[in-house]
Amino acid sequence: MYLIRLIRSFFVKKPNRKLTWTVNDFQWGERWAKTQPHPKFKNKTLWDAVYNKRSESTEVLHEINKRL
């Protein structure tokens, strides 16, 4: 899993501003979060920590913005 995150990180740029509610920002945040390690678990990504199927996209973006 670490190798996949490393390879993805070469192609995804870290957001340099606060992500808003647009589709492009959500996709950018998702791609970036999938390149970051999980705060607690070794084999998971940050996306696993912030994404919940029951949450709205704005709540997910808020969690990503807190970790930027």
N, C-alpha and C. Protein backbone atom coordinates (compact mmCIF):
# COMPACT_ATOMS: atom_id res chain seq x y z
N MET A 1 0.82 -1.19 0.00
CA MET A 1 0.00 0.00 0.00
C MET A 1 0.86 1.25 0.00
N TYR A 2 1.97 1.22 0.71
CA TYR A 2 2.86 2.38 0.76
C TYR A 2 3.39 2.72 -0.62
N LEU A 3 3.73 1.72 -1.40
CA LEU A 3 4.27 1.95 -2.73
C LEU A 3 3.23 2.60 -3.65
N ILE A 4 2.00 2.18 -3.53
CA ILE A 4 0.92 2.78 -4.33
C ILE A 4 0.74 4.25 -3.96
N ARG A 5 0.75 4.55 -2.66
CA ARG A 5 0.64 5.95 -2.22
C ARG A 5 1.80 6.78 -2.72
N LEU A 6 2.99 6.21 -2.69
CA LEU A 6 4.17 6.94 -3.14
C LEU A 6 4.08 7.27 -4.63
N ILE A 7 3.68 6.32 -5.43
CA ILE A 7 3.57 6.55 -6.88
C ILE A 7 2.48 7.58 -7.17
N ARG A 8 1.35 7.48 -6.48
CA ARG A 8 0.27 8.46 -6.67
C ARG A 8 0.71 9.86 -6.30
N SER A 9 1.53 9.98 -5.28
CA SER A 9 1.93 11.30 -4.81
C SER A 9 2.78 12.05 -5.83
N PHE A 10 3.40 11.35 -6.76
CA PHE A 10 4.16 12.03 -7.82
C PHE A 10 3.24 12.76 -8.80
N PHE A 11 2.01 12.31 -8.91
CA PHE A 11 1.09 12.85 -9.90
C PHE A 11 0.04 13.80 -9.34
N VAL A 12 -0.08 13.87 -8.03
CA VAL A 12 -1.10 14.71 -7.41
C VAL A 12 -0.42 15.81 -6.61
N LYS A 13 -0.80 17.04 -6.92
CA LYS A 13 -0.24 18.20 -6.24
C LYS A 13 -1.03 18.50 -4.97
N LYS A 14 -0.34 18.89 -3.90
CA LYS A 14 -1.01 19.24 -2.65
C LYS A 14 -1.80 20.53 -2.85
N PRO A 15 -3.05 20.56 -2.37
CA PRO A 15 -3.84 21.79 -2.50
C PRO A 15 -3.16 22.95 -1.78
N ASN A 16 -3.08 24.08 -2.46
CA ASN A 16 -2.42 25.25 -1.90
C ASN A 16 -3.41 26.30 -1.42
N ARG A 17 -4.68 25.93 -1.38
CA ARG A 17 -5.73 26.83 -0.91
C ARG A 17 -6.81 25.99 -0.25
N LYS A 18 -7.75 26.66 0.38
CA LYS A 18 -8.86 25.97 1.01
C LYS A 18 -9.77 25.39 -0.07
N LEU A 19 -10.12 24.13 0.06
CA LEU A 19 -10.98 23.49 -0.92
C LEU A 19 -12.43 23.90 -0.67
N THR A 20 -13.16 24.19 -1.75
CA THR A 20 -14.55 24.62 -1.65
C THR A 20 -15.46 23.49 -2.07
N TRP A 21 -16.73 23.78 -2.28
CA TRP A 21 -17.72 22.76 -2.53
C TRP A 21 -17.84 22.34 -3.99
N THR A 22 -16.95 22.75 -4.85
CA THR A 22 -17.06 22.39 -6.27
C THR A 22 -16.63 20.94 -6.50
N VAL A 23 -17.07 20.39 -7.60
CA VAL A 23 -16.75 19.01 -7.95
C VAL A 23 -15.25 18.84 -8.16
N ASN A 24 -14.64 19.80 -8.82
CA ASN A 24 -13.19 19.71 -9.07
C ASN A 24 -12.40 19.72 -7.77
N ASP A 25 -12.81 20.55 -6.81
CA ASP A 25 -12.12 20.58 -5.52
C ASP A 25 -12.31 19.27 -4.76
N PHE A 26 -13.51 18.70 -4.83
CA PHE A 26 -13.75 17.43 -4.15
C PHE A 26 -12.87 16.33 -4.75
N GLN A 27 -12.78 16.28 -6.05
CA GLN A 27 -11.94 15.27 -6.70
C GLN A 27 -10.47 15.50 -6.39
N TRP A 28 -10.05 16.74 -6.36
CA TRP A 28 -8.66 17.06 -6.03
C TRP A 28 -8.35 16.65 -4.59
N GLY A 29 -9.27 16.96 -3.68
CA GLY A 29 -9.09 16.58 -2.29
C GLY A 29 -9.06 15.07 -2.11
N GLU A 30 -9.91 14.37 -2.85
CA GLU A 30 -9.93 12.91 -2.78
C GLU A 30 -8.61 12.32 -3.27
N ARG A 31 -8.13 12.80 -4.41
CA ARG A 31 -6.87 12.28 -4.95
C ARG A 31 -5.71 12.57 -4.01
N TRP A 32 -5.69 13.78 -3.42
CA TRP A 32 -4.60 14.11 -2.51
C TRP A 32 -4.69 13.28 -1.23
N ALA A 33 -5.90 13.10 -0.69
CA ALA A 33 -6.06 12.34 0.55
C ALA A 33 -5.67 10.87 0.36
N LYS A 34 -5.82 10.36 -0.83
CA LYS A 34 -5.43 8.97 -1.08
C LYS A 34 -3.92 8.80 -1.16
N THR A 35 -3.17 9.90 -1.19
CA THR A 35 -1.71 9.81 -1.21
C THR A 35 -1.10 10.01 0.17
N GLN A 36 -1.94 10.34 1.17
CA GLN A 36 -1.45 10.63 2.52
C GLN A 36 -1.69 9.45 3.44
N PRO A 37 -0.81 9.22 4.40
CA PRO A 37 -1.00 8.11 5.34
C PRO A 37 -2.12 8.39 6.34
N HIS A 38 -2.72 7.33 6.81
CA HIS A 38 -3.76 7.41 7.84
C HIS A 38 -3.13 7.86 9.16
N PRO A 39 -3.81 8.68 9.95
CA PRO A 39 -3.22 9.16 11.21
C PRO A 39 -2.91 8.05 12.21
N LYS A 40 -3.64 6.93 12.17
CA LYS A 40 -3.46 5.90 13.17
C LYS A 40 -3.02 4.55 12.60
N PHE A 41 -3.56 4.18 11.45
CA PHE A 41 -3.32 2.84 10.91
C PHE A 41 -2.31 2.88 9.77
N LYS A 42 -1.44 1.93 9.75
CA LYS A 42 -0.33 1.91 8.80
C LYS A 42 -0.77 1.61 7.36
N ASN A 43 -1.71 0.72 7.18
CA ASN A 43 -2.08 0.26 5.84
C ASN A 43 -3.28 0.99 5.24
N LYS A 44 -3.66 2.11 5.80
CA LYS A 44 -4.79 2.86 5.28
C LYS A 44 -4.36 4.26 4.87
N THR A 45 -5.24 4.95 4.16
CA THR A 45 -4.94 6.30 3.71
C THR A 45 -5.76 7.32 4.50
N LEU A 46 -5.44 8.56 4.32
CA LEU A 46 -6.20 9.63 4.95
C LEU A 46 -7.64 9.63 4.46
N TRP A 47 -7.85 9.25 3.22
CA TRP A 47 -9.20 9.19 2.66
C TRP A 47 -10.07 8.23 3.46
N ASP A 48 -9.49 7.12 3.90
CA ASP A 48 -10.24 6.18 4.73
C ASP A 48 -10.66 6.81 6.05
N ALA A 49 -9.89 7.74 6.55
CA ALA A 49 -10.20 8.39 7.82
C ALA A 49 -11.27 9.47 7.68
N VAL A 50 -11.28 10.20 6.57
CA VAL A 50 -12.20 11.33 6.44
C VAL A 50 -13.49 10.99 5.70
N TYR A 51 -13.49 9.97 4.87
CA TYR A 51 -14.67 9.67 4.05
C TYR A 51 -15.60 8.71 4.77
N ASN A 52 -16.87 9.06 4.76
CA ASN A 52 -17.92 8.23 5.32
C ASN A 52 -19.08 8.30 4.33
N LYS A 53 -19.66 7.18 4.00
CA LYS A 53 -20.74 7.16 3.00
C LYS A 53 -21.94 8.00 3.43
N ARG A 54 -22.12 8.16 4.71
CA ARG A 54 -23.26 8.93 5.21
C ARG A 54 -23.00 10.43 5.23
N SER A 55 -21.76 10.83 5.13
CA SER A 55 -21.41 12.26 5.19
C SER A 55 -21.64 12.94 3.85
N GLU A 56 -21.95 14.21 3.93
CA GLU A 56 -22.07 15.01 2.71
C GLU A 56 -20.68 15.40 2.23
N SER A 57 -20.60 15.80 0.99
CA SER A 57 -19.30 16.15 0.42
C SER A 57 -18.67 17.35 1.12
N THR A 58 -19.50 18.28 1.57
CA THR A 58 -18.95 19.46 2.26
C THR A 58 -18.31 19.08 3.59
N GLU A 59 -18.88 18.08 4.27
CA GLU A 59 -18.29 17.62 5.53
C GLU A 59 -16.95 16.93 5.28
N VAL A 60 -16.87 16.17 4.20
CA VAL A 60 -15.62 15.49 3.85
C VAL A 60 -14.56 16.53 3.51
N LEU A 61 -14.93 17.54 2.72
CA LEU A 61 -13.98 18.60 2.37
C LEU A 61 -13.53 19.38 3.61
N HIS A 62 -14.42 19.56 4.55
CA HIS A 62 -14.05 20.24 5.79
C HIS A 62 -12.98 19.45 6.54
N GLU A 63 -13.14 18.13 6.60
CA GLU A 63 -12.15 17.29 7.27
C GLU A 63 -10.81 17.32 6.55
N ILE A 64 -10.84 17.35 5.23
CA ILE A 64 -9.59 17.44 4.45
C ILE A 64 -8.93 18.79 4.68
N ASN A 65 -9.72 19.87 4.70
CA ASN A 65 -9.17 21.20 4.94
C ASN A 65 -8.54 21.32 6.32
N LYS A 66 -9.10 20.63 7.32
CA LYS A 66 -8.52 20.66 8.65
C LYS A 66 -7.13 20.02 8.65
N ARG A 67 -6.90 19.05 7.79
CA ARG A 67 -5.62 18.34 7.76
C ARG A 67 -4.61 18.96 6.80
N LEU A 68 -5.03 19.95 6.05
CA LEU A 68 -4.07 20.66 5.19
C LEU A 68 -3.29 21.61 6.05
